[in-house]
Amino acid sequence: MMPTGAFLLLQMLRVMWSSGRGYADSAASTKTPRYRAKKKIVRALWIACGILMLVFPITHFIITLGLFTTFLSFTILDESL
């Protein structure tokens, strides 16, 4: 019998919670001044890109810019740096 995606997700969550690593680690790291400064940069980036999307309402431009902005947001907010 092949496990379903929901079954695998539940197993991963069970392992994460049983190992003691839940949301506590990530919640503590989001309260640091460095992380809040990164969030301000990402917010300004999204506002600027949103304005660009409104100025140039071309579908392929909006999709490309949205995907690139998402990539940049995850890169900026990465906690490994």
N, C-alpha and C. Protein backbone atom coordinates (compact mmCIF):
# COMPACT_ATOMS: atom_id res chain seq x y z
N MET A 1 0.84 -1.17 0.00
CA MET A 1 0.00 0.00 0.00
C MET A 1 0.89 1.25 0.00
N MET A 2 0.60 2.18 -0.87
CA MET A 2 1.38 3.39 -1.01
C MET A 2 0.81 4.47 -0.08
N PRO A 3 1.66 5.11 0.74
CA PRO A 3 1.15 6.16 1.62
C PRO A 3 0.74 7.40 0.82
N THR A 4 -0.31 8.04 1.28
CA THR A 4 -0.79 9.24 0.60
C THR A 4 -0.01 10.46 1.07
N GLY A 5 -0.20 11.58 0.39
CA GLY A 5 0.48 12.81 0.76
C GLY A 5 0.08 13.29 2.13
N ALA A 6 -1.21 13.15 2.47
CA ALA A 6 -1.69 13.59 3.78
C ALA A 6 -1.06 12.74 4.89
N PHE A 7 -0.92 11.45 4.65
CA PHE A 7 -0.31 10.56 5.63
C PHE A 7 1.15 10.95 5.86
N LEU A 8 1.88 11.22 4.78
CA LEU A 8 3.27 11.61 4.91
C LEU A 8 3.41 12.95 5.64
N LEU A 9 2.52 13.89 5.35
CA LEU A 9 2.54 15.18 6.03
C LEU A 9 2.30 15.01 7.52
N LEU A 10 1.33 14.19 7.89
CA LEU A 10 1.06 13.94 9.31
C LEU A 10 2.26 13.29 9.99
N GLN A 11 2.93 12.38 9.30
CA GLN A 11 4.10 11.73 9.88
C GLN A 11 5.23 12.74 10.10
N MET A 12 5.43 13.64 9.15
CA MET A 12 6.48 14.65 9.30
C MET A 12 6.16 15.59 10.46
N LEU A 13 4.89 15.99 10.59
CA LEU A 13 4.50 16.85 11.70
C LEU A 13 4.68 16.15 13.04
N ARG A 14 4.35 14.87 13.09
CA ARG A 14 4.51 14.11 14.33
C ARG A 14 5.98 14.05 14.73
N VAL A 15 6.85 13.81 13.76
CA VAL A 15 8.28 13.74 14.06
C VAL A 15 8.80 15.10 14.51
N MET A 16 8.35 16.16 13.86
CA MET A 16 8.81 17.50 14.22
C MET A 16 8.37 17.85 15.64
N TRP A 17 7.12 17.58 15.98
CA TRP A 17 6.63 17.92 17.31
C TRP A 17 7.20 17.02 18.39
N SER A 18 7.45 15.77 18.08
CA SER A 18 8.00 14.86 19.09
C SER A 18 9.47 15.14 19.35
N SER A 19 10.17 15.74 18.40
CA SER A 19 11.57 16.03 18.60
C SER A 19 11.78 17.32 19.38
N GLY A 20 10.70 18.03 19.69
CA GLY A 20 10.81 19.25 20.47
C GLY A 20 11.05 20.49 19.64
N ARG A 21 11.18 20.32 18.35
CA ARG A 21 11.39 21.47 17.46
C ARG A 21 10.08 21.82 16.80
N GLY A 22 9.40 22.74 17.35
CA GLY A 22 8.13 23.17 16.78
C GLY A 22 8.24 24.59 16.30
N TYR A 23 7.26 25.37 16.63
CA TYR A 23 7.24 26.75 16.21
C TYR A 23 8.00 27.65 17.18
N ALA A 24 8.46 27.12 18.28
CA ALA A 24 9.14 27.96 19.27
C ALA A 24 10.43 28.55 18.72
N ASP A 25 11.20 27.75 17.98
CA ASP A 25 12.46 28.25 17.43
C ASP A 25 12.22 29.37 16.43
N SER A 26 11.26 29.19 15.55
CA SER A 26 11.02 30.20 14.53
C SER A 26 10.34 31.43 15.13
N ALA A 27 9.52 31.26 16.16
CA ALA A 27 8.85 32.41 16.77
C ALA A 27 9.86 33.30 17.48
N ALA A 28 10.85 32.72 18.10
CA ALA A 28 11.87 33.51 18.80
C ALA A 28 12.73 34.27 17.80
N SER A 29 13.01 33.67 16.66
CA SER A 29 13.88 34.34 15.70
C SER A 29 13.18 35.47 14.96
N THR A 30 11.84 35.48 14.94
CA THR A 30 11.14 36.56 14.25
C THR A 30 11.01 37.81 15.11
N LYS A 31 11.43 37.75 16.36
CA LYS A 31 11.34 38.90 17.24
C LYS A 31 12.65 39.69 17.32
N THR A 32 13.67 39.24 16.65
CA THR A 32 14.96 39.92 16.71
C THR A 32 14.92 41.19 15.86
N PRO A 33 15.70 42.19 16.24
CA PRO A 33 15.74 43.43 15.45
C PRO A 33 16.24 43.21 14.02
N ARG A 34 17.16 42.28 13.87
CA ARG A 34 17.69 42.00 12.52
C ARG A 34 16.60 41.44 11.61
N TYR A 35 15.79 40.53 12.13
CA TYR A 35 14.72 39.95 11.32
C TYR A 35 13.65 40.99 10.99
N ARG A 36 13.34 41.86 11.97
CA ARG A 36 12.36 42.92 11.71
C ARG A 36 12.86 43.89 10.65
N ALA A 37 14.16 44.16 10.64
CA ALA A 37 14.73 45.02 9.60
C ALA A 37 14.62 44.36 8.23
N LYS A 38 14.83 43.04 8.20
CA LYS A 38 14.69 42.31 6.93
C LYS A 38 13.24 42.35 6.45
N LYS A 39 12.29 42.24 7.40
CA LYS A 39 10.87 42.31 7.01
C LYS A 39 10.52 43.67 6.43
N LYS A 40 11.11 44.73 6.95
CA LYS A 40 10.86 46.06 6.41
C LYS A 40 11.38 46.17 4.98
N ILE A 41 12.53 45.58 4.72
CA ILE A 41 13.08 45.58 3.36
C ILE A 41 12.16 44.83 2.42
N VAL A 42 11.68 43.67 2.85
CA VAL A 42 10.80 42.86 2.01
C VAL A 42 9.47 43.59 1.78
N ARG A 43 8.94 44.24 2.80
CA ARG A 43 7.70 45.00 2.64
C ARG A 43 7.87 46.12 1.62
N ALA A 44 9.00 46.85 1.70
CA ALA A 44 9.26 47.92 0.73
C ALA A 44 9.44 47.36 -0.68
N LEU A 45 10.07 46.20 -0.78
CA LEU A 45 10.25 45.55 -2.08
C LEU A 45 8.90 45.19 -2.70
N TRP A 46 7.99 44.62 -1.89
CA TRP A 46 6.67 44.23 -2.40
C TRP A 46 5.84 45.45 -2.78
N ILE A 47 5.96 46.53 -2.01
CA ILE A 47 5.22 47.74 -2.36
C ILE A 47 5.72 48.30 -3.68
N ALA A 48 7.04 48.36 -3.85
CA ALA A 48 7.60 48.87 -5.11
C ALA A 48 7.20 47.99 -6.29
N CYS A 49 7.26 46.68 -6.11
CA CYS A 49 6.88 45.78 -7.20
C CYS A 49 5.38 45.84 -7.47
N GLY A 50 4.59 46.03 -6.44
CA GLY A 50 3.15 46.19 -6.63
C GLY A 50 2.82 47.43 -7.45
N ILE A 51 3.54 48.51 -7.18
CA ILE A 51 3.34 49.72 -7.97
C ILE A 51 3.75 49.49 -9.42
N LEU A 52 4.86 48.78 -9.62
CA LEU A 52 5.28 48.45 -10.99
C LEU A 52 4.23 47.60 -11.70
N MET A 53 3.64 46.68 -10.96
CA MET A 53 2.60 45.84 -11.57
C MET A 53 1.37 46.66 -11.96
N LEU A 54 1.05 47.68 -11.17
CA LEU A 54 -0.08 48.54 -11.51
C LEU A 54 0.23 49.46 -12.69
N VAL A 55 1.48 49.89 -12.79
CA VAL A 55 1.88 50.79 -13.87
C VAL A 55 1.94 50.04 -15.20
N PHE A 56 2.44 48.81 -15.18
CA PHE A 56 2.56 48.00 -16.39
C PHE A 56 1.66 46.77 -16.26
N PRO A 57 0.38 46.90 -16.57
CA PRO A 57 -0.56 45.77 -16.39
C PRO A 57 -0.49 44.75 -17.54
N ILE A 58 0.69 44.17 -17.71
CA ILE A 58 0.90 43.14 -18.72
C ILE A 58 1.03 41.80 -17.98
N THR A 59 0.24 40.84 -18.39
CA THR A 59 0.13 39.58 -17.64
C THR A 59 1.48 38.91 -17.44
N HIS A 60 2.24 38.73 -18.51
CA HIS A 60 3.51 38.01 -18.35
C HIS A 60 4.51 38.81 -17.52
N PHE A 61 4.44 40.12 -17.56
CA PHE A 61 5.31 40.96 -16.71
C PHE A 61 4.93 40.80 -15.24
N ILE A 62 3.64 40.80 -14.95
CA ILE A 62 3.17 40.66 -13.56
C ILE A 62 3.55 39.30 -12.98
N ILE A 63 3.36 38.25 -13.77
CA ILE A 63 3.69 36.91 -13.29
C ILE A 63 5.19 36.77 -13.05
N THR A 64 5.98 37.24 -14.01
CA THR A 64 7.44 37.15 -13.87
C THR A 64 7.93 37.96 -12.68
N LEU A 65 7.45 39.19 -12.56
CA LEU A 65 7.87 40.04 -11.45
C LEU A 65 7.41 39.47 -10.11
N GLY A 66 6.21 38.91 -10.06
CA GLY A 66 5.73 38.31 -8.82
C GLY A 66 6.55 37.11 -8.39
N LEU A 67 6.90 36.26 -9.33
CA LEU A 67 7.74 35.10 -8.99
C LEU A 67 9.14 35.52 -8.56
N PHE A 68 9.70 36.50 -9.27
CA PHE A 68 11.04 36.96 -8.91
C PHE A 68 11.03 37.65 -7.54
N THR A 69 10.00 38.42 -7.25
CA THR A 69 9.89 39.09 -5.96
C THR A 69 9.72 38.07 -4.84
N THR A 70 8.97 37.01 -5.09
CA THR A 70 8.83 35.94 -4.10
C THR A 70 10.17 35.29 -3.80
N PHE A 71 10.94 35.03 -4.87
CA PHE A 71 12.27 34.45 -4.70
C PHE A 71 13.16 35.38 -3.87
N LEU A 72 13.15 36.68 -4.20
CA LEU A 72 13.96 37.63 -3.44
C LEU A 72 13.52 37.71 -1.98
N SER A 73 12.22 37.65 -1.74
CA SER A 73 11.70 37.72 -0.37
C SER A 73 12.20 36.55 0.46
N PHE A 74 12.10 35.35 -0.10
CA PHE A 74 12.59 34.18 0.63
C PHE A 74 14.09 34.24 0.83
N THR A 75 14.80 34.78 -0.15
CA THR A 75 16.26 34.89 -0.02
C THR A 75 16.64 35.89 1.07
N ILE A 76 15.94 37.00 1.13
CA ILE A 76 16.24 38.01 2.15
C ILE A 76 15.88 37.51 3.54
N LEU A 77 14.75 36.83 3.67
CA LEU A 77 14.29 36.38 4.99
C LEU A 77 14.91 35.07 5.45
N ASP A 78 15.82 34.51 4.66
CA ASP A 78 16.44 33.25 5.02
C ASP A 78 17.16 33.39 6.36
N GLU A 79 16.94 32.46 7.27
CA GLU A 79 17.49 32.54 8.60
C GLU A 79 18.89 31.98 8.72
N SER A 80 19.44 31.43 7.67
CA SER A 80 20.77 30.83 7.77
C SER A 80 21.87 31.87 7.67
N LEU A 81 21.52 33.10 7.31
CA LEU A 81 22.54 34.15 7.18
C LEU A 81 22.67 34.97 8.43
